[in-house]
Amino acid sequence: MTKPAIQVGVHEAKTRLSELLRAVAGGQEVDSLRNGKPVARIIPFAPRNVREIGFDEGRFTVHDDFDAPLPDDVEDSFYR
């Protein structure tokens, strides 16, 4: 079960930033509020996946006429 986010005012968030960052490092989320309305959420950092070039090599074929003009009847259907 996920813990509800800690909610703090902007001023309090600035004052307690180190403490809140420790909580976030432990998996907790923190909502920063201005006039009682959420303005920001601090969440645990998750590294982005690195995309591997050539991962799908050999899985499909791009035909030589891939970018050839469409037949007139097909192209006309886009403009009806």
C-alpha atoms as a PDB file:
ATOM      1  CA  MET A   1       0.000   0.000   0.000  1.00  0.00           C
ATOM      2  CA  THR A   2       1.323   3.422  -1.002  1.00  0.00           C
ATOM      3  CA  LYS A   3       1.708   6.056   1.680  1.00  0.00           C
ATOM      4  CA  PRO A   4      -0.181   9.300   1.075  1.00  0.00           C
ATOM      5  CA  ALA A   5       2.057  12.187   0.057  1.00  0.00           C
ATOM      6  CA  ILE A   6       3.404  14.470   2.761  1.00  0.00           C
ATOM      7  CA  GLN A   7       1.813  17.904   2.271  1.00  0.00           C
ATOM      8  CA  VAL A   8       3.715  21.022   3.273  1.00  0.00           C
ATOM      9  CA  GLY A   9       3.472  24.712   2.474  1.00  0.00           C
ATOM     10  CA  VAL A  10       6.100  26.251   0.215  1.00  0.00           C
ATOM     11  CA  HIS A  11       7.783  28.096   3.092  1.00  0.00           C
ATOM     12  CA  GLU A  12       7.823  24.956   5.249  1.00  0.00           C
ATOM     13  CA  ALA A  13       9.214  22.941   2.312  1.00  0.00           C
ATOM     14  CA  LYS A  14      12.107  25.390   1.994  1.00  0.00           C
ATOM     15  CA  THR A  15      12.752  25.227   5.727  1.00  0.00           C
ATOM     16  CA  ARG A  16      12.611  21.406   5.915  1.00  0.00           C
ATOM     17  CA  LEU A  17      14.074  20.578   2.487  1.00  0.00           C
ATOM     18  CA  SER A  18      16.852  18.253   3.736  1.00  0.00           C
ATOM     19  CA  GLU A  19      14.400  16.304   5.902  1.00  0.00           C
ATOM     20  CA  LEU A  20      11.865  16.061   3.080  1.00  0.00           C
ATOM     21  CA  LEU A  21      14.527  14.876   0.623  1.00  0.00           C
ATOM     22  CA  ARG A  22      15.456  12.074   3.049  1.00  0.00           C
ATOM     23  CA  ALA A  23      11.786  11.043   3.127  1.00  0.00           C
ATOM     24  CA  VAL A  24      11.648  11.110  -0.684  1.00  0.00           C
ATOM     25  CA  ALA A  25      14.813   8.994  -0.874  1.00  0.00           C
ATOM     26  CA  GLY A  26      12.937   6.475   1.270  1.00  0.00           C
ATOM     27  CA  GLY A  27      10.118   6.308  -1.289  1.00  0.00           C
ATOM     28  CA  GLN A  28       7.791   8.967   0.112  1.00  0.00           C
ATOM     29  CA  GLU A  29       6.271  11.677  -2.101  1.00  0.00           C
ATOM     30  CA  VAL A  30       5.958  15.303  -0.989  1.00  0.00           C
ATOM     31  CA  ASP A  31       3.366  17.803  -2.221  1.00  0.00           C
ATOM     32  CA  SER A  32       4.251  21.472  -1.878  1.00  0.00           C
ATOM     33  CA  LEU A  33       1.201  23.705  -1.385  1.00  0.00           C
ATOM     34  CA  ARG A  34       0.663  27.416  -1.946  1.00  0.00           C
ATOM     35  CA  ASN A  35      -2.510  28.803  -0.374  1.00  0.00           C
ATOM     36  CA  GLY A  36      -3.643  25.228   0.238  1.00  0.00           C
ATOM     37  CA  LYS A  37      -3.348  24.216  -3.432  1.00  0.00           C
ATOM     38  CA  PRO A  38      -0.668  21.843  -4.753  1.00  0.00           C
ATOM     39  CA  VAL A  39       1.994  23.560  -6.876  1.00  0.00           C
ATOM     40  CA  ALA A  40       4.721  20.918  -6.996  1.00  0.00           C
ATOM     41  CA  ARG A  41       5.418  17.291  -6.165  1.00  0.00           C
ATOM     42  CA  ILE A  42       8.789  15.906  -5.150  1.00  0.00           C
ATOM     43  CA  ILE A  43       9.103  12.225  -6.076  1.00  0.00           C
ATOM     44  CA  PRO A  44      11.936   9.686  -5.870  1.00  0.00           C
ATOM     45  CA  PHE A  45      14.384   9.953  -8.741  1.00  0.00           C
ATOM     46  CA  ALA A  46      14.113   7.223 -11.373  1.00  0.00           C
ATOM     47  CA  PRO A  47      16.842   7.083 -14.003  1.00  0.00           C
ATOM     48  CA  ARG A  48      15.624   7.145 -17.593  1.00  0.00           C
ATOM     49  CA  ASN A  49      16.052   4.069 -19.718  1.00  0.00           C
ATOM     50  CA  VAL A  50      18.712   4.477 -22.375  1.00  0.00           C
ATOM     51  CA  ARG A  51      17.411   3.653 -25.834  1.00  0.00           C
ATOM     52  CA  GLU A  52      19.542   1.127 -27.672  1.00  0.00           C
ATOM     53  CA  ILE A  53      20.043   1.924 -31.357  1.00  0.00           C
ATOM     54  CA  GLY A  54      19.443  -1.024 -33.671  1.00  0.00           C
ATOM     55  CA  PHE A  55      17.425  -3.003 -31.121  1.00  0.00           C
ATOM     56  CA  ASP A  56      14.835  -4.060 -33.740  1.00  0.00           C
ATOM     57  CA  GLU A  57      17.307  -4.701 -36.532  1.00  0.00           C
ATOM     58  CA  GLY A  58      16.108  -7.530 -38.758  1.00  0.00           C
ATOM     59  CA  ARG A  59      12.603  -7.605 -37.242  1.00  0.00           C
ATOM     60  CA  PHE A  60      10.938  -5.785 -40.151  1.00  0.00           C
ATOM     61  CA  THR A  61      11.672  -4.687 -43.693  1.00  0.00           C
ATOM     62  CA  VAL A  62      11.230  -1.217 -45.127  1.00  0.00           C
ATOM     63  CA  HIS A  63      10.324  -1.624 -48.794  1.00  0.00           C
ATOM     64  CA  ASP A  64      12.008   0.475 -51.466  1.00  0.00           C
ATOM     65  CA  ASP A  65       8.729   2.217 -52.315  1.00  0.00           C
ATOM     66  CA  PHE A  66       7.954   3.127 -48.681  1.00  0.00           C
ATOM     67  CA  ASP A  67       7.913   6.865 -49.378  1.00  0.00           C
ATOM     68  CA  ALA A  68       6.468   6.679 -52.902  1.00  0.00           C
ATOM     69  CA  PRO A  69       3.366   8.742 -53.626  1.00  0.00           C
ATOM     70  CA  LEU A  70       0.071   7.085 -52.713  1.00  0.00           C
ATOM     71  CA  PRO A  71      -2.252   5.862 -55.451  1.00  0.00           C
ATOM     72  CA  ASP A  72      -4.705   8.633 -56.452  1.00  0.00           C
ATOM     73  CA  ASP A  73      -7.768   6.866 -55.010  1.00  0.00           C
ATOM     74  CA  VAL A  74      -6.093   6.433 -51.597  1.00  0.00           C
ATOM     75  CA  GLU A  75      -4.811  10.012 -51.513  1.00  0.00           C
ATOM     76  CA  ASP A  76      -8.250  11.322 -52.530  1.00  0.00           C
ATOM     77  CA  SER A  77      -9.834   9.537 -49.565  1.00  0.00           C
ATOM     78  CA  PHE A  78      -7.933  11.886 -47.200  1.00  0.00           C
ATOM     79  CA  TYR A  79      -9.588  14.950 -48.684  1.00  0.00           C
ATOM     80  CA  ARG A  80     -13.265  13.944 -48.814  1.00  0.00           C
END
